[in-house]
Structure formats: C-alpha cells, structure tokens
Amino acid sequence: MNLMKQEKKLENDEDEASEDLLKLYEEMAALQSRLALAAGRLSRIRKIRNRIKEKHSEATRRGLQEVDQQDAILSGLDVHEDALLRDLQVDHVPNNID
C-alpha cells in the first residue's frame, strides 16, 4: 500500500508541476506579447520624435535663411540710403527728412 500512496503522490506532484509549467508558459507568452507591443510603441514614438526633430531643424534652417536674406536686403537698403544722403548733402539738402 505504501508504494501505491507514493505512486499516487508522485502522480499528483507531476500533475501539479505540469499545471505550474503551463501557467508559467502562458504568463511568458503574455509577457512576450506585451513586450512586442511595448517595443513597437517605443519604435513608433522614436520615429515620430525624429521626424519632429528633422522638421524643427528644417524650420530653423529656413528661418535662418530668411533672416540672412532680410539682412542682405537691409544691408543693401542701408547702402542705398547712405548714397542718397551723400547725394543730398552734395546738393546741400538737409538730411533730417523722414
């Protein structure tokens, strides 16, 4: 009888271990699924962030180009204004005209 009890106990232990293993496998599969979702989400976030950085850099570059163009225009206008003032002074016209 003692052998039958041991055999029954071992069968129960084996069943319990199999159930534990199955539960752990299911938990691992769920974790792998969550891991894949999180990795995909992180990848999408990084791609979006990089696109935003690129757009920001492009906007900054364009803004700086516009500032450079405006500076060039203003510089040209300053040169033109100085030339006009010299011409007016040669003609003895006061330069306080606004």
N, C-alpha and C. Protein backbone atom coordinates (compact mmCIF):
# COMPACT_ATOMS: atom_id res chain seq x y z
N MET A 1 0.81 -1.19 0.00
CA MET A 1 0.00 0.00 0.00
C MET A 1 0.85 1.26 0.00
N ASN A 2 1.90 1.19 0.71
CA ASN A 2 2.77 2.35 0.81
C ASN A 2 3.29 2.76 -0.56
N LEU A 3 3.59 1.78 -1.41
CA LEU A 3 4.06 2.08 -2.77
C LEU A 3 2.96 2.74 -3.59
N MET A 4 1.73 2.32 -3.39
CA MET A 4 0.60 2.92 -4.12
C MET A 4 0.40 4.38 -3.70
N LYS A 5 0.57 4.65 -2.41
CA LYS A 5 0.45 6.03 -1.92
C LYS A 5 1.55 6.89 -2.53
N GLN A 6 2.75 6.35 -2.56
CA GLN A 6 3.87 7.11 -3.13
C GLN A 6 3.63 7.36 -4.62
N GLU A 7 3.15 6.33 -5.32
CA GLU A 7 2.87 6.48 -6.74
C GLU A 7 1.79 7.53 -6.97
N LYS A 8 0.74 7.49 -6.18
CA LYS A 8 -0.36 8.47 -6.29
C LYS A 8 0.16 9.88 -5.99
N LYS A 9 0.99 10.00 -4.95
CA LYS A 9 1.56 11.31 -4.59
C LYS A 9 2.43 11.83 -5.73
N LEU A 10 3.23 10.94 -6.31
CA LEU A 10 4.09 11.36 -7.42
C LEU A 10 3.26 11.78 -8.63
N GLU A 11 2.17 11.08 -8.89
CA GLU A 11 1.28 11.47 -9.99
C GLU A 11 0.68 12.85 -9.72
N ASN A 12 0.25 13.08 -8.49
CA ASN A 12 -0.31 14.39 -8.12
C ASN A 12 0.75 15.48 -8.25
N ASP A 13 1.97 15.18 -7.77
CA ASP A 13 3.07 16.14 -7.88
C ASP A 13 3.38 16.44 -9.35
N GLU A 14 3.35 15.40 -10.17
CA GLU A 14 3.62 15.57 -11.60
C GLU A 14 2.53 16.43 -12.24
N ASP A 15 1.27 16.16 -11.91
CA ASP A 15 0.17 16.96 -12.44
C ASP A 15 0.29 18.42 -12.02
N GLU A 16 0.63 18.62 -10.75
CA GLU A 16 0.79 19.98 -10.22
C GLU A 16 1.94 20.70 -10.93
N ALA A 17 3.05 19.99 -11.12
CA ALA A 17 4.21 20.58 -11.81
C ALA A 17 3.85 20.90 -13.25
N SER A 18 3.08 20.02 -13.90
CA SER A 18 2.66 20.27 -15.28
C SER A 18 1.76 21.50 -15.35
N GLU A 19 0.84 21.63 -14.40
CA GLU A 19 -0.04 22.80 -14.36
C GLU A 19 0.77 24.08 -14.13
N ASP A 20 1.73 24.01 -13.19
CA ASP A 20 2.59 25.17 -12.93
C ASP A 20 3.36 25.56 -14.19
N LEU A 21 3.89 24.54 -14.87
CA LEU A 21 4.65 24.80 -16.09
C LEU A 21 3.77 25.45 -17.16
N LEU A 22 2.55 24.94 -17.30
CA LEU A 22 1.61 25.51 -18.28
C LEU A 22 1.27 26.95 -17.93
N LYS A 23 1.02 27.22 -16.64
CA LYS A 23 0.72 28.60 -16.22
C LYS A 23 1.89 29.52 -16.51
N LEU A 24 3.10 29.04 -16.19
CA LEU A 24 4.29 29.86 -16.44
C LEU A 24 4.47 30.11 -17.94
N TYR A 25 4.21 29.10 -18.75
CA TYR A 25 4.31 29.25 -20.20
C TYR A 25 3.30 30.29 -20.69
N GLU A 26 2.08 30.24 -20.18
CA GLU A 26 1.06 31.21 -20.57
C GLU A 26 1.45 32.62 -20.13
N GLU A 27 1.99 32.74 -18.92
CA GLU A 27 2.45 34.05 -18.44
C GLU A 27 3.59 34.57 -19.31
N MET A 28 4.51 33.66 -19.68
CA MET A 28 5.63 34.06 -20.51
C MET A 28 5.12 34.52 -21.89
N ALA A 29 4.16 33.81 -22.45
CA ALA A 29 3.59 34.20 -23.75
C ALA A 29 2.93 35.57 -23.65
N ALA A 30 2.21 35.81 -22.56
CA ALA A 30 1.56 37.11 -22.36
C ALA A 30 2.61 38.21 -22.22
N LEU A 31 3.68 37.92 -21.48
CA LEU A 31 4.75 38.91 -21.32
C LEU A 31 5.45 39.19 -22.65
N GLN A 32 5.66 38.14 -23.44
CA GLN A 32 6.29 38.34 -24.75
C GLN A 32 5.40 39.20 -25.65
N SER A 33 4.11 38.98 -25.57
CA SER A 33 3.17 39.79 -26.35
C SER A 33 3.21 41.25 -25.90
N ARG A 34 3.20 41.46 -24.59
CA ARG A 34 3.28 42.84 -24.06
C ARG A 34 4.61 43.48 -24.44
N LEU A 35 5.68 42.68 -24.39
CA LEU A 35 7.00 43.19 -24.75
C LEU A 35 7.02 43.62 -26.22
N ALA A 36 6.44 42.81 -27.09
CA ALA A 36 6.39 43.16 -28.52
C ALA A 36 5.58 44.44 -28.74
N LEU A 37 4.45 44.56 -28.05
CA LEU A 37 3.63 45.78 -28.17
C LEU A 37 4.39 47.01 -27.68
N ALA A 38 5.06 46.86 -26.53
CA ALA A 38 5.81 47.99 -25.98
C ALA A 38 6.97 48.37 -26.89
N ALA A 39 7.66 47.38 -27.46
CA ALA A 39 8.77 47.67 -28.36
C ALA A 39 8.26 48.37 -29.63
N GLY A 40 7.12 47.93 -30.14
CA GLY A 40 6.53 48.58 -31.31
C GLY A 40 6.14 50.01 -31.02
N ARG A 41 5.54 50.22 -29.87
CA ARG A 41 5.13 51.57 -29.47
C ARG A 41 6.35 52.48 -29.32
N LEU A 42 7.39 51.95 -28.67
CA LEU A 42 8.61 52.73 -28.49
C LEU A 42 9.22 53.09 -29.84
N SER A 43 9.22 52.15 -30.76
CA SER A 43 9.76 52.40 -32.09
C SER A 43 8.97 53.51 -32.80
N ARG A 44 7.64 53.45 -32.72
CA ARG A 44 6.81 54.49 -33.35
C ARG A 44 7.07 55.85 -32.72
N ILE A 45 7.16 55.88 -31.39
CA ILE A 45 7.41 57.15 -30.69
C ILE A 45 8.75 57.73 -31.13
N ARG A 46 9.77 56.89 -31.22
CA ARG A 46 11.10 57.38 -31.63
C ARG A 46 11.08 57.90 -33.07
N LYS A 47 10.37 57.20 -33.96
CA LYS A 47 10.28 57.66 -35.35
C LYS A 47 9.59 59.02 -35.42
N ILE A 48 8.50 59.17 -34.68
CA ILE A 48 7.77 60.44 -34.67
C ILE A 48 8.65 61.54 -34.09
N ARG A 49 9.34 61.23 -32.99
CA ARG A 49 10.22 62.22 -32.37
C ARG A 49 11.32 62.65 -33.34
N ASN A 50 11.90 61.69 -34.06
CA ASN A 50 12.95 62.02 -35.02
C ASN A 50 12.41 62.87 -36.16
N ARG A 51 11.19 62.56 -36.64
CA ARG A 51 10.58 63.39 -37.69
C ARG A 51 10.35 64.81 -37.20
N ILE A 52 9.90 64.94 -35.96
CA ILE A 52 9.67 66.28 -35.38
C ILE A 52 10.99 67.03 -35.28
N LYS A 53 12.05 66.35 -34.84
CA LYS A 53 13.36 67.00 -34.75
C LYS A 53 13.82 67.46 -36.13
N GLU A 54 13.63 66.60 -37.14
CA GLU A 54 14.02 66.96 -38.50
C GLU A 54 13.24 68.18 -38.99
N LYS A 55 11.93 68.19 -38.73
CA LYS A 55 11.10 69.32 -39.15
C LYS A 55 11.52 70.59 -38.42
N HIS A 56 11.83 70.46 -37.14
CA HIS A 56 12.27 71.62 -36.37
C HIS A 56 13.58 72.16 -36.92
N SER A 57 14.52 71.25 -37.21
CA SER A 57 15.80 71.67 -37.77
C SER A 57 15.60 72.35 -39.12
N GLU A 58 14.72 71.78 -39.94
CA GLU A 58 14.44 72.36 -41.26
C GLU A 58 13.81 73.74 -41.11
N ALA A 59 12.87 73.87 -40.18
CA ALA A 59 12.23 75.17 -39.95
C ALA A 59 13.25 76.19 -39.46
N THR A 60 14.12 75.75 -38.58
CA THR A 60 15.17 76.65 -38.07
C THR A 60 16.09 77.07 -39.20
N ARG A 61 16.49 76.10 -40.04
CA ARG A 61 17.37 76.41 -41.16
C ARG A 61 16.70 77.39 -42.11
N ARG A 62 15.43 77.14 -42.41
CA ARG A 62 14.69 78.06 -43.30
C ARG A 62 14.56 79.44 -42.67
N GLY A 63 14.29 79.46 -41.37
CA GLY A 63 14.17 80.74 -40.67
C GLY A 63 15.47 81.51 -40.73
N LEU A 64 16.59 80.81 -40.54
CA LEU A 64 17.89 81.47 -40.60
C LEU A 64 18.19 81.96 -42.02
N GLN A 65 17.77 81.19 -43.02
CA GLN A 65 17.96 81.64 -44.40
C GLN A 65 17.15 82.90 -44.66
N GLU A 66 15.93 82.94 -44.15
CA GLU A 66 15.09 84.14 -44.33
C GLU A 66 15.72 85.34 -43.63
N VAL A 67 16.25 85.11 -42.43
CA VAL A 67 16.91 86.20 -41.70
C VAL A 67 18.11 86.69 -42.49
N ASP A 68 18.90 85.75 -43.03
CA ASP A 68 20.06 86.14 -43.84
C ASP A 68 19.62 86.94 -45.06
N GLN A 69 18.53 86.51 -45.71
CA GLN A 69 18.02 87.24 -46.87
C GLN A 69 17.56 88.64 -46.48
N GLN A 70 16.86 88.72 -45.36
CA GLN A 70 16.39 90.03 -44.90
C GLN A 70 17.56 90.92 -44.52
N ASP A 71 18.58 90.33 -43.88
CA ASP A 71 19.78 91.11 -43.54
C ASP A 71 20.45 91.64 -44.81
N ALA A 72 20.50 90.80 -45.84
CA ALA A 72 21.11 91.24 -47.10
C ALA A 72 20.31 92.38 -47.71
N ILE A 73 18.99 92.26 -47.68
CA ILE A 73 18.13 93.33 -48.21
C ILE A 73 18.32 94.61 -47.40
N LEU A 74 18.32 94.48 -46.07
CA LEU A 74 18.51 95.67 -45.22
C LEU A 74 19.87 96.29 -45.45
N SER A 75 20.88 95.44 -45.60
CA SER A 75 22.22 95.96 -45.86
C SER A 75 22.25 96.74 -47.17
N GLY A 76 21.59 96.19 -48.19
CA GLY A 76 21.51 96.89 -49.48
C GLY A 76 20.76 98.20 -49.36
N LEU A 77 19.68 98.20 -48.58
CA LEU A 77 18.92 99.43 -48.37
C LEU A 77 19.74 100.46 -47.61
N ASP A 78 20.52 100.01 -46.63
CA ASP A 78 21.39 100.93 -45.88
C ASP A 78 22.41 101.58 -46.82
N VAL A 79 23.01 100.78 -47.69
CA VAL A 79 23.98 101.31 -48.64
C VAL A 79 23.30 102.32 -49.56
N HIS A 80 22.12 101.99 -50.03
CA HIS A 80 21.37 102.90 -50.90
C HIS A 80 21.02 104.19 -50.17
N GLU A 81 20.57 104.06 -48.91
CA GLU A 81 20.23 105.25 -48.13
C GLU A 81 21.45 106.14 -47.91
N ASP A 82 22.58 105.52 -47.58
CA ASP A 82 23.82 106.30 -47.39
C ASP A 82 24.20 107.04 -48.67
N ALA A 83 24.05 106.36 -49.81
CA ALA A 83 24.38 107.00 -51.09
C ALA A 83 23.44 108.18 -51.35
N LEU A 84 22.15 108.00 -51.06
CA LEU A 84 21.20 109.10 -51.25
C LEU A 84 21.52 110.27 -50.33
N LEU A 85 21.87 109.97 -49.07
CA LEU A 85 22.22 111.05 -48.14
C LEU A 85 23.44 111.82 -48.62
N ARG A 86 24.43 111.10 -49.15
CA ARG A 86 25.62 111.79 -49.67
C ARG A 86 25.24 112.69 -50.86
N ASP A 87 24.36 112.14 -51.73
CA ASP A 87 23.92 112.94 -52.87
C ASP A 87 23.17 114.19 -52.41
N LEU A 88 22.33 114.02 -51.37
CA LEU A 88 21.59 115.17 -50.86
C LEU A 88 22.52 116.19 -50.22
N GLN A 89 23.54 115.70 -49.52
CA GLN A 89 24.49 116.62 -48.89
C GLN A 89 25.28 117.38 -49.94
N VAL A 90 25.60 116.71 -51.02
CA VAL A 90 26.31 117.38 -52.11
C VAL A 90 25.44 118.50 -52.68
N ASP A 91 24.13 118.24 -52.74
CA ASP A 91 23.19 119.24 -53.25
C ASP A 91 22.76 120.21 -52.15
N HIS A 92 23.35 120.12 -50.97
CA HIS A 92 23.08 120.99 -49.82
C HIS A 92 21.64 120.89 -49.34
N VAL A 93 21.06 119.69 -49.38
CA VAL A 93 19.71 119.45 -48.86
C VAL A 93 19.88 118.87 -47.46
N PRO A 94 19.14 119.38 -46.44
CA PRO A 94 19.28 118.84 -45.08
C PRO A 94 18.87 117.37 -45.03
N ASN A 95 19.55 116.57 -44.18
CA ASN A 95 19.30 115.13 -44.13
C ASN A 95 18.32 114.72 -43.04
N ASN A 96 17.56 115.67 -42.53
CA ASN A 96 16.59 115.33 -41.49
C ASN A 96 15.21 115.06 -42.07
N ILE A 97 15.16 114.70 -43.33
CA ILE A 97 13.89 114.38 -43.99
C ILE A 97 13.51 112.95 -43.64
N ASP A 98 12.29 112.77 -43.15
CA ASP A 98 11.82 111.41 -42.81
C ASP A 98 10.61 111.07 -43.60
